[in-house]
Amino acid sequence: MQQRRLRLGDILDDYCPRERRITNHAVVAMIDDQVKQTRCTTCDADHEYKQARIPPPRRKKDTLVPSTLPDMADQSEQEESDRTKRPPSSKASLL
């Protein structure tokens, strides 16, 4: 049995970037026989046709945290040393 060609308004599965999952989509734009744009039937977001492929996972931010922690520790130590070097405030001398 041969499948019929897709037409505008037909429903197909595609990846929705707003919902981050594969849902039903209506065909919105076509060039020749290729689907170019779809509309999610759940959230009504229009986007280019992704052929129901889930994108690769995003890079985790955990890899960035260890490199910034030493900088923050150095900064807090510097702030503490600055506090001890300051002369007493004028309010403290009045009391």
PDB file of N, CA and C in Angstrom:
ATOM      1  N   MET A   1       0.844  -1.187   0.000  1.00  0.00           N
ATOM      2  CA  MET A   1       0.000   0.000   0.000  1.00  0.00           C
ATOM      3  C   MET A   1       0.883   1.242   0.000  1.00  0.00           C
ATOM      4  N   GLN A   2       0.586   2.155  -0.873  1.00  0.00           N
ATOM      5  CA  GLN A   2       1.393   3.353  -1.018  1.00  0.00           C
ATOM      6  C   GLN A   2       0.773   4.496  -0.214  1.00  0.00           C
ATOM      7  N   GLN A   3       1.644   5.275   0.466  1.00  0.00           N
ATOM      8  CA  GLN A   3       1.177   6.405   1.259  1.00  0.00           C
ATOM      9  C   GLN A   3       0.916   7.593   0.347  1.00  0.00           C
ATOM     10  N   ARG A   4      -0.134   8.354   0.631  1.00  0.00           N
ATOM     11  CA  ARG A   4      -0.414   9.520  -0.197  1.00  0.00           C
ATOM     12  C   ARG A   4       0.523  10.663   0.163  1.00  0.00           C
ATOM     13  N   ARG A   5       0.692  11.608  -0.737  1.00  0.00           N
ATOM     14  CA  ARG A   5       1.557  12.757  -0.498  1.00  0.00           C
ATOM     15  C   ARG A   5       0.961  13.657   0.570  1.00  0.00           C
ATOM     16  N   LEU A   6       1.831  14.305   1.322  1.00  0.00           N
ATOM     17  CA  LEU A   6       1.366  15.245   2.343  1.00  0.00           C
ATOM     18  C   LEU A   6       0.814  16.504   1.692  1.00  0.00           C
ATOM     19  N   ARG A   7      -0.187  17.098   2.351  1.00  0.00           N
ATOM     20  CA  ARG A   7      -0.786  18.343   1.881  1.00  0.00           C
ATOM     21  C   ARG A   7      -0.863  19.320   3.043  1.00  0.00           C
ATOM     22  N   LEU A   8      -1.107  20.592   2.742  1.00  0.00           N
ATOM     23  CA  LEU A   8      -1.281  21.584   3.800  1.00  0.00           C
ATOM     24  C   LEU A   8      -2.433  21.177   4.708  1.00  0.00           C
ATOM     25  N   GLY A   9      -2.213  21.312   6.010  1.00  0.00           N
ATOM     26  CA  GLY A   9      -3.239  20.956   6.981  1.00  0.00           C
ATOM     27  C   GLY A   9      -3.159  19.536   7.478  1.00  0.00           C
ATOM     28  N   ASP A  10      -2.371  18.689   6.833  1.00  0.00           N
ATOM     29  CA  ASP A  10      -2.226  17.307   7.294  1.00  0.00           C
ATOM     30  C   ASP A  10      -1.526  17.284   8.657  1.00  0.00           C
ATOM     31  N   ILE A  11      -1.842  16.284   9.434  1.00  0.00           N
ATOM     32  CA  ILE A  11      -1.261  16.131  10.771  1.00  0.00           C
ATOM     33  C   ILE A  11      -0.114  15.133  10.707  1.00  0.00           C
ATOM     34  N   LEU A  12       1.013  15.514  11.322  1.00  0.00           N
ATOM     35  CA  LEU A  12       2.159  14.602  11.407  1.00  0.00           C
ATOM     36  C   LEU A  12       2.882  14.826  12.726  1.00  0.00           C
ATOM     37  N   ASP A  13       3.782  13.920  13.062  1.00  0.00           N
ATOM     38  CA  ASP A  13       4.565  14.047  14.293  1.00  0.00           C
ATOM     39  C   ASP A  13       5.797  14.887  14.022  1.00  0.00           C
ATOM     40  N   ASP A  14       6.099  15.794  14.946  1.00  0.00           N
ATOM     41  CA  ASP A  14       7.301  16.618  14.844  1.00  0.00           C
ATOM     42  C   ASP A  14       7.726  17.027  16.243  1.00  0.00           C
ATOM     43  N   TYR A  15       8.982  17.439  16.374  1.00  0.00           N
ATOM     44  CA  TYR A  15       9.518  17.903  17.661  1.00  0.00           C
ATOM     45  C   TYR A  15       9.116  19.363  17.859  1.00  0.00           C
ATOM     46  N   CYS A  16       8.523  19.656  19.009  1.00  0.00           N
ATOM     47  CA  CYS A  16       8.121  21.025  19.339  1.00  0.00           C
ATOM     48  C   CYS A  16       9.174  21.633  20.265  1.00  0.00           C
ATOM     49  N   PRO A  17       9.875  22.692  19.833  1.00  0.00           N
ATOM     50  CA  PRO A  17      10.899  23.296  20.687  1.00  0.00           C
ATOM     51  C   PRO A  17      10.319  23.997  21.913  1.00  0.00           C
ATOM     52  N   ARG A  18       9.082  24.458  21.843  1.00  0.00           N
ATOM     53  CA  ARG A  18       8.472  25.115  23.002  1.00  0.00           C
ATOM     54  C   ARG A  18       8.153  24.090  24.098  1.00  0.00           C
ATOM     55  N   GLU A  19       7.626  22.944  23.694  1.00  0.00           N
ATOM     56  CA  GLU A  19       7.266  21.904  24.672  1.00  0.00           C
ATOM     57  C   GLU A  19       8.401  20.918  24.916  1.00  0.00           C
ATOM     58  N   ARG A  20       9.391  20.924  24.043  1.00  0.00           N
ATOM     59  CA  ARG A  20      10.548  20.034  24.125  1.00  0.00           C
ATOM     60  C   ARG A  20      10.145  18.558  24.125  1.00  0.00           C
ATOM     61  N   ARG A  21       9.233  18.234  23.212  1.00  0.00           N
ATOM     62  CA  ARG A  21       8.814  16.839  23.034  1.00  0.00           C
ATOM     63  C   ARG A  21       8.178  16.693  21.659  1.00  0.00           C
ATOM     64  N   ILE A  22       7.966  15.456  21.250  1.00  0.00           N
ATOM     65  CA  ILE A  22       7.341  15.186  19.957  1.00  0.00           C
ATOM     66  C   ILE A  22       5.830  15.178  20.145  1.00  0.00           C
ATOM     67  N   THR A  23       5.142  16.002  19.356  1.00  0.00           N
ATOM     68  CA  THR A  23       3.690  16.113  19.429  1.00  0.00           C
ATOM     69  C   THR A  23       3.118  16.140  18.014  1.00  0.00           C
ATOM     70  N   ASN A  24       1.794  16.165  17.914  1.00  0.00           N
ATOM     71  CA  ASN A  24       1.123  16.290  16.615  1.00  0.00           C
ATOM     72  C   ASN A  24       1.276  17.715  16.105  1.00  0.00           C
ATOM     73  N   HIS A  25       1.532  17.827  14.811  1.00  0.00           N
ATOM     74  CA  HIS A  25       1.692  19.121  14.170  1.00  0.00           C
ATOM     75  C   HIS A  25       0.901  19.149  12.873  1.00  0.00           C
ATOM     76  N   ALA A  26       0.426  20.326  12.512  1.00  0.00           N
ATOM     77  CA  ALA A  26      -0.245  20.518  11.221  1.00  0.00           C
ATOM     78  C   ALA A  26       0.752  21.148  10.256  1.00  0.00           C
ATOM     79  N   VAL A  27       0.712  20.702   9.012  1.00  0.00           N
ATOM     80  CA  VAL A  27       1.600  21.256   7.992  1.00  0.00           C
ATOM     81  C   VAL A  27       1.114  22.660   7.638  1.00  0.00           C
ATOM     82  N   VAL A  28       2.023  23.652   7.703  1.00  0.00           N
ATOM     83  CA  VAL A  28       1.672  25.041   7.439  1.00  0.00           C
ATOM     84  C   VAL A  28       2.274  25.523   6.123  1.00  0.00           C
ATOM     85  N   ALA A  29       3.506  25.089   5.821  1.00  0.00           N
ATOM     86  CA  ALA A  29       4.165  25.548   4.593  1.00  0.00           C
ATOM     87  C   ALA A  29       4.901  24.389   3.941  1.00  0.00           C
ATOM     88  N   MET A  30       4.809  24.361   2.598  1.00  0.00           N
ATOM     89  CA  MET A  30       5.489  23.319   1.828  1.00  0.00           C
ATOM     90  C   MET A  30       6.127  23.941   0.593  1.00  0.00           C
ATOM     91  N   ILE A  31       7.247  23.365   0.173  1.00  0.00           N
ATOM     92  CA  ILE A  31       7.850  23.701  -1.112  1.00  0.00           C
ATOM     93  C   ILE A  31       7.996  22.385  -1.853  1.00  0.00           C
ATOM     94  N   ASP A  32       7.330  22.298  -2.969  1.00  0.00           N
ATOM     95  CA  ASP A  32       7.203  21.046  -3.722  1.00  0.00           C
ATOM     96  C   ASP A  32       6.585  19.985  -2.805  1.00  0.00           C
ATOM     97  N   ASP A  33       7.276  18.866  -2.577  1.00  0.00           N
ATOM     98  CA  ASP A  33       6.752  17.815  -1.701  1.00  0.00           C
ATOM     99  C   ASP A  33       7.383  17.844  -0.314  1.00  0.00           C
ATOM    100  N   GLN A  34       8.196  18.839  -0.029  1.00  0.00           N
ATOM    101  CA  GLN A  34       8.892  18.899   1.258  1.00  0.00           C
ATOM    102  C   GLN A  34       8.177  19.845   2.213  1.00  0.00           C
ATOM    103  N   VAL A  35       7.969  19.361   3.452  1.00  0.00           N
ATOM    104  CA  VAL A  35       7.367  20.177   4.499  1.00  0.00           C
ATOM    105  C   VAL A  35       8.429  21.142   5.014  1.00  0.00           C
ATOM    106  N   LYS A  36       8.111  22.423   5.080  1.00  0.00           N
ATOM    107  CA  LYS A  36       9.069  23.432   5.539  1.00  0.00           C
ATOM    108  C   LYS A  36       8.703  23.994   6.909  1.00  0.00           C
ATOM    109  N   GLN A  37       7.401  24.126   7.200  1.00  0.00           N
ATOM    110  CA  GLN A  37       6.984  24.709   8.474  1.00  0.00           C
ATOM    111  C   GLN A  37       5.762  23.973   8.995  1.00  0.00           C
ATOM    112  N   THR A  38       5.720  23.815  10.336  1.00  0.00           N
ATOM    113  CA  THR A  38       4.598  23.139  10.979  1.00  0.00           C
ATOM    114  C   THR A  38       4.080  23.982  12.138  1.00  0.00           C
ATOM    115  N   ARG A  39       2.854  23.660  12.586  1.00  0.00           N
ATOM    116  CA  ARG A  39       2.258  24.330  13.744  1.00  0.00           C
ATOM    117  C   ARG A  39       1.860  23.252  14.747  1.00  0.00           C
ATOM    118  N   CYS A  40       2.335  23.394  15.982  1.00  0.00           N
ATOM    119  CA  CYS A  40       2.012  22.434  17.039  1.00  0.00           C
ATOM    120  C   CYS A  40       0.522  22.521  17.345  1.00  0.00           C
ATOM    121  N   THR A  41      -0.149  21.383  17.368  1.00  0.00           N
ATOM    122  CA  THR A  41      -1.584  21.390  17.662  1.00  0.00           C
ATOM    123  C   THR A  41      -1.854  21.553  19.154  1.00  0.00           C
ATOM    124  N   THR A  42      -0.838  21.397  19.980  1.00  0.00           N
ATOM    125  CA  THR A  42      -1.018  21.546  21.424  1.00  0.00           C
ATOM    126  C   THR A  42      -0.847  22.996  21.867  1.00  0.00           C
ATOM    127  N   CYS A  43       0.253  23.638  21.445  1.00  0.00           N
ATOM    128  CA  CYS A  43       0.542  25.003  21.913  1.00  0.00           C
ATOM    129  C   CYS A  43       0.427  26.061  20.819  1.00  0.00           C
ATOM    130  N   ASP A  44       0.112  25.676  19.600  1.00  0.00           N
ATOM    131  CA  ASP A  44      -0.055  26.583  18.457  1.00  0.00           C
ATOM    132  C   ASP A  44       1.196  27.377  18.097  1.00  0.00           C
ATOM    133  N   ALA A  45       2.371  26.842  18.378  1.00  0.00           N
ATOM    134  CA  ALA A  45       3.625  27.500  18.000  1.00  0.00           C
ATOM    135  C   ALA A  45       4.022  27.059  16.592  1.00  0.00           C
ATOM    136  N   ASP A  46       4.381  28.034  15.743  1.00  0.00           N
ATOM    137  CA  ASP A  46       4.872  27.732  14.397  1.00  0.00           C
ATOM    138  C   ASP A  46       6.385  27.619  14.439  1.00  0.00           C
ATOM    139  N   HIS A  47       6.928  26.643  13.745  1.00  0.00           N
ATOM    140  CA  HIS A  47       8.379  26.482  13.649  1.00  0.00           C
ATOM    141  C   HIS A  47       8.710  25.663  12.417  1.00  0.00           C
ATOM    142  N   GLU A  48       9.991  25.683  12.036  1.00  0.00           N
ATOM    143  CA  GLU A  48      10.384  24.909  10.866  1.00  0.00           C
ATOM    144  C   GLU A  48      10.284  23.417  11.178  1.00  0.00           C
ATOM    145  N   TYR A  49      10.060  22.644  10.146  1.00  0.00           N
ATOM    146  CA  TYR A  49       9.872  21.199  10.291  1.00  0.00           C
ATOM    147  C   TYR A  49      11.184  20.541  10.706  1.00  0.00           C
ATOM    148  N   LYS A  50      11.165  19.807  11.802  1.00  0.00           N
ATOM    149  CA  LYS A  50      12.368  19.196  12.351  1.00  0.00           C
ATOM    150  C   LYS A  50      12.430  17.687  12.087  1.00  0.00           C
ATOM    151  N   GLN A  51      11.508  17.157  11.311  1.00  0.00           N
ATOM    152  CA  GLN A  51      11.450  15.750  10.929  1.00  0.00           C
ATOM    153  C   GLN A  51      11.415  14.819  12.135  1.00  0.00           C
ATOM    154  N   ALA A  52      10.775  15.266  13.201  1.00  0.00           N
ATOM    155  CA  ALA A  52      10.575  14.486  14.433  1.00  0.00           C
ATOM    156  C   ALA A  52      11.896  14.045  15.061  1.00  0.00           C
ATOM    157  N   ARG A  53      12.956  14.808  14.822  1.00  0.00           N
ATOM    158  CA  ARG A  53      14.256  14.498  15.438  1.00  0.00           C
ATOM    159  C   ARG A  53      14.426  15.315  16.708  1.00  0.00           C
ATOM    160  N   ILE A  54      14.764  14.641  17.783  1.00  0.00           N
ATOM    161  CA  ILE A  54      15.024  15.325  19.046  1.00  0.00           C
ATOM    162  C   ILE A  54      16.450  15.876  18.998  1.00  0.00           C
ATOM    163  N   PRO A  55      16.656  17.164  19.334  1.00  0.00           N
ATOM    164  CA  PRO A  55      18.008  17.736  19.277  1.00  0.00           C
ATOM    165  C   PRO A  55      18.910  17.131  20.342  1.00  0.00           C
ATOM    166  N   PRO A  56      20.229  17.250  20.165  1.00  0.00           N
ATOM    167  CA  PRO A  56      21.138  16.712  21.178  1.00  0.00           C
ATOM    168  C   PRO A  56      20.936  17.447  22.501  1.00  0.00           C
ATOM    169  N   PRO A  57      21.190  16.770  23.619  1.00  0.00           N
ATOM    170  CA  PRO A  57      20.970  17.413  24.920  1.00  0.00           C
ATOM    171  C   PRO A  57      21.882  18.624  25.094  1.00  0.00           C
ATOM    172  N   ARG A  58      21.399  19.576  25.882  1.00  0.00           N
ATOM    173  CA  ARG A  58      22.170  20.788  26.141  1.00  0.00           C
ATOM    174  C   ARG A  58      23.358  20.476  27.028  1.00  0.00           C
ATOM    175  N   ARG A  59      24.362  21.321  26.930  1.00  0.00           N
ATOM    176  CA  ARG A  59      25.554  21.158  27.747  1.00  0.00           C
ATOM    177  C   ARG A  59      25.241  21.539  29.185  1.00  0.00           C
ATOM    178  N   LYS A  60      25.666  20.737  30.109  1.00  0.00           N
ATOM    179  CA  LYS A  60      25.385  20.993  31.521  1.00  0.00           C
ATOM    180  C   LYS A  60      26.240  22.141  32.025  1.00  0.00           C
ATOM    181  N   LYS A  61      25.710  22.916  32.955  1.00  0.00           N
ATOM    182  CA  LYS A  61      26.442  24.032  33.526  1.00  0.00           C
ATOM    183  C   LYS A  61      27.375  23.576  34.640  1.00  0.00           C
ATOM    184  N   ASP A  62      27.274  22.314  35.044  1.00  0.00           N
ATOM    185  CA  ASP A  62      28.135  21.799  36.115  1.00  0.00           C
ATOM    186  C   ASP A  62      29.612  21.888  35.743  1.00  0.00           C
ATOM    187  N   THR A  63      29.933  21.826  34.481  1.00  0.00           N
ATOM    188  CA  THR A  63      31.331  21.889  34.066  1.00  0.00           C
ATOM    189  C   THR A  63      31.917  23.273  34.303  1.00  0.00           C
ATOM    190  N   LEU A  64      31.079  24.300  34.354  1.00  0.00           N
ATOM    191  CA  LEU A  64      31.567  25.656  34.565  1.00  0.00           C
ATOM    192  C   LEU A  64      31.740  26.003  36.038  1.00  0.00           C
ATOM    193  N   VAL A  65      31.021  25.373  36.917  1.00  0.00           N
ATOM    194  CA  VAL A  65      31.030  25.718  38.334  1.00  0.00           C
ATOM    195  C   VAL A  65      32.395  25.535  38.991  1.00  0.00           C
ATOM    196  N   PRO A  66      33.112  24.416  38.821  1.00  0.00           N
ATOM    197  CA  PRO A  66      34.390  24.270  39.513  1.00  0.00           C
ATOM    198  C   PRO A  66      35.417  25.342  39.146  1.00  0.00           C
ATOM    199  N   SER A  67      35.409  25.839  37.936  1.00  0.00           N
ATOM    200  CA  SER A  67      36.392  26.842  37.550  1.00  0.00           C
ATOM    201  C   SER A  67      36.088  28.196  38.181  1.00  0.00           C
ATOM    202  N   THR A  68      34.832  28.489  38.516  1.00  0.00           N
ATOM    203  CA  THR A  68      34.490  29.785  39.097  1.00  0.00           C
ATOM    204  C   THR A  68      34.584  29.786  40.613  1.00  0.00           C
ATOM    205  N   LEU A  69      34.514  28.631  41.243  1.00  0.00           N
ATOM    206  CA  LEU A  69      34.551  28.591  42.703  1.00  0.00           C
ATOM    207  C   LEU A  69      35.849  29.136  43.294  1.00  0.00           C
ATOM    208  N   PRO A  70      37.033  28.782  42.799  1.00  0.00           N
ATOM    209  CA  PRO A  70      38.248  29.344  43.387  1.00  0.00           C
ATOM    210  C   PRO A  70      38.301  30.866  43.278  1.00  0.00           C
ATOM    211  N   ASP A  71      37.796  31.425  42.198  1.00  0.00           N
ATOM    212  CA  ASP A  71      37.784  32.874  42.042  1.00  0.00           C
ATOM    213  C   ASP A  71      36.911  33.521  43.102  1.00  0.00           C
ATOM    214  N   MET A  72      35.783  32.913  43.390  1.00  0.00           N
ATOM    215  CA  MET A  72      34.880  33.460  44.394  1.00  0.00           C
ATOM    216  C   MET A  72      35.508  33.370  45.779  1.00  0.00           C
ATOM    217  N   ALA A  73      36.222  32.283  46.074  1.00  0.00           N
ATOM    218  CA  ALA A  73      36.870  32.139  47.382  1.00  0.00           C
ATOM    219  C   ALA A  73      37.952  33.192  47.552  1.00  0.00           C
ATOM    220  N   ASP A  74      38.736  33.443  46.509  1.00  0.00           N
ATOM    221  CA  ASP A  74      39.779  34.464  46.569  1.00  0.00           C
ATOM    222  C   ASP A  74      39.170  35.841  46.785  1.00  0.00           C
ATOM    223  N   GLN A  75      38.049  36.094  46.157  1.00  0.00           N
ATOM    224  CA  GLN A  75      37.397  37.386  46.272  1.00  0.00           C
ATOM    225  C   GLN A  75      36.887  37.608  47.698  1.00  0.00           C
ATOM    226  N   SER A  76      36.299  36.585  48.317  1.00  0.00           N
ATOM    227  CA  SER A  76      35.785  36.751  49.680  1.00  0.00           C
ATOM    228  C   SER A  76      36.926  36.944  50.673  1.00  0.00           C
ATOM    229  N   GLU A  77      38.052  36.266  50.459  1.00  0.00           N
ATOM    230  CA  GLU A  77      39.205  36.458  51.333  1.00  0.00           C
ATOM    231  C   GLU A  77      39.747  37.874  51.209  1.00  0.00           C
ATOM    232  N   GLN A  78      39.741  38.403  49.992  1.00  0.00           N
ATOM    233  CA  GLN A  78      40.234  39.754  49.772  1.00  0.00           C
ATOM    234  C   GLN A  78      39.314  40.774  50.437  1.00  0.00           C
ATOM    235  N   GLU A  79      38.015  40.542  50.392  1.00  0.00           N
ATOM    236  CA  GLU A  79      37.067  41.450  51.035  1.00  0.00           C
ATOM    237  C   GLU A  79      37.267  41.461  52.537  1.00  0.00           C
ATOM    238  N   GLU A  80      37.518  40.297  53.130  1.00  0.00           N
ATOM    239  CA  GLU A  80      37.748  40.223  54.568  1.00  0.00           C
ATOM    240  C   GLU A  80      39.015  40.975  54.965  1.00  0.00           C
ATOM    241  N   SER A  81      40.086  40.833  54.188  1.00  0.00           N
ATOM    242  CA  SER A  81      41.325  41.530  54.502  1.00  0.00           C
ATOM    243  C   SER A  81      41.143  43.040  54.341  1.00  0.00           C
ATOM    244  N   ASP A  82      40.304  43.469  53.377  1.00  0.00           N
ATOM    245  CA  ASP A  82      40.033  44.903  53.204  1.00  0.00           C
ATOM    246  C   ASP A  82      39.277  45.455  54.410  1.00  0.00           C
ATOM    247  N   ARG A  83      38.377  44.687  54.972  1.00  0.00           N
ATOM    248  CA  ARG A  83      37.611  45.140  56.143  1.00  0.00           C
ATOM    249  C   ARG A  83      38.527  45.345  57.349  1.00  0.00           C
ATOM    250  N   THR A  84      39.485  44.463  57.542  1.00  0.00           N
ATOM    251  CA  THR A  84      40.376  44.582  58.707  1.00  0.00           C
ATOM    252  C   THR A  84      41.356  45.732  58.555  1.00  0.00           C
ATOM    253  N   LYS A  85      41.681  46.139  57.350  1.00  0.00           N
ATOM    254  CA  LYS A  85      42.636  47.222  57.115  1.00  0.00           C
ATOM    255  C   LYS A  85      41.990  48.601  57.192  1.00  0.00           C
ATOM    256  N   ARG A  86      40.664  48.690  57.107  1.00  0.00           N
ATOM    257  CA  ARG A  86      39.984  49.981  57.110  1.00  0.00           C
ATOM    258  C   ARG A  86      40.085  50.639  58.488  1.00  0.00           C
ATOM    259  N   PRO A  87      40.203  51.957  58.502  1.00  0.00           N
ATOM    260  CA  PRO A  87      40.176  52.654  59.797  1.00  0.00           C
ATOM    261  C   PRO A  87      38.760  52.620  60.353  1.00  0.00           C
ATOM    262  N   PRO A  88      38.580  52.742  61.624  1.00  0.00           N
ATOM    263  CA  PRO A  88      37.241  52.714  62.197  1.00  0.00           C
ATOM    264  C   PRO A  88      36.395  53.866  61.652  1.00  0.00           C
ATOM    265  N   SER A  89      35.108  53.607  61.541  1.00  0.00           N
ATOM    266  CA  SER A  89      34.219  54.624  60.985  1.00  0.00           C
ATOM    267  C   SER A  89      34.077  55.788  61.978  1.00  0.00           C
ATOM    268  N   SER A  90      33.626  56.906  61.478  1.00  0.00           N
ATOM    269  CA  SER A  90      33.486  58.096  62.322  1.00  0.00           C
ATOM    270  C   SER A  90      32.410  57.912  63.384  1.00  0.00           C
ATOM    271  N   LYS A  91      31.413  57.106  63.119  1.00  0.00           N
ATOM    272  CA  LYS A  91      30.370  56.851  64.106  1.00  0.00           C
ATOM    273  C   LYS A  91      30.925  56.106  65.304  1.00  0.00           C
ATOM    274  N   ALA A  92      31.834  55.181  65.067  1.00  0.00           N
ATOM    275  CA  ALA A  92      32.394  54.394  66.164  1.00  0.00           C
ATOM    276  C   ALA A  92      33.246  55.279  67.061  1.00  0.00           C
ATOM    277  N   SER A  93      33.914  56.283  66.509  1.00  0.00           N
ATOM    278  CA  SER A  93      34.759  57.157  67.336  1.00  0.00           C
ATOM    279  C   SER A  93      33.936  58.110  68.178  1.00  0.00           C
ATOM    280  N   LEU A  94      32.699  58.431  67.765  1.00  0.00           N
ATOM    281  CA  LEU A  94      31.835  59.318  68.517  1.00  0.00           C
ATOM    282  C   LEU A  94      31.225  58.641  69.730  1.00  0.00           C
ATOM    283  N   LEU A  95      31.109  57.345  69.685  1.00  0.00           N
ATOM    284  CA  LEU A  95      30.482  56.632  70.800  1.00  0.00           C
ATOM    285  C   LEU A  95      31.474  56.486  71.868  1.00  0.00           C
TER     286      LEU A  95
END
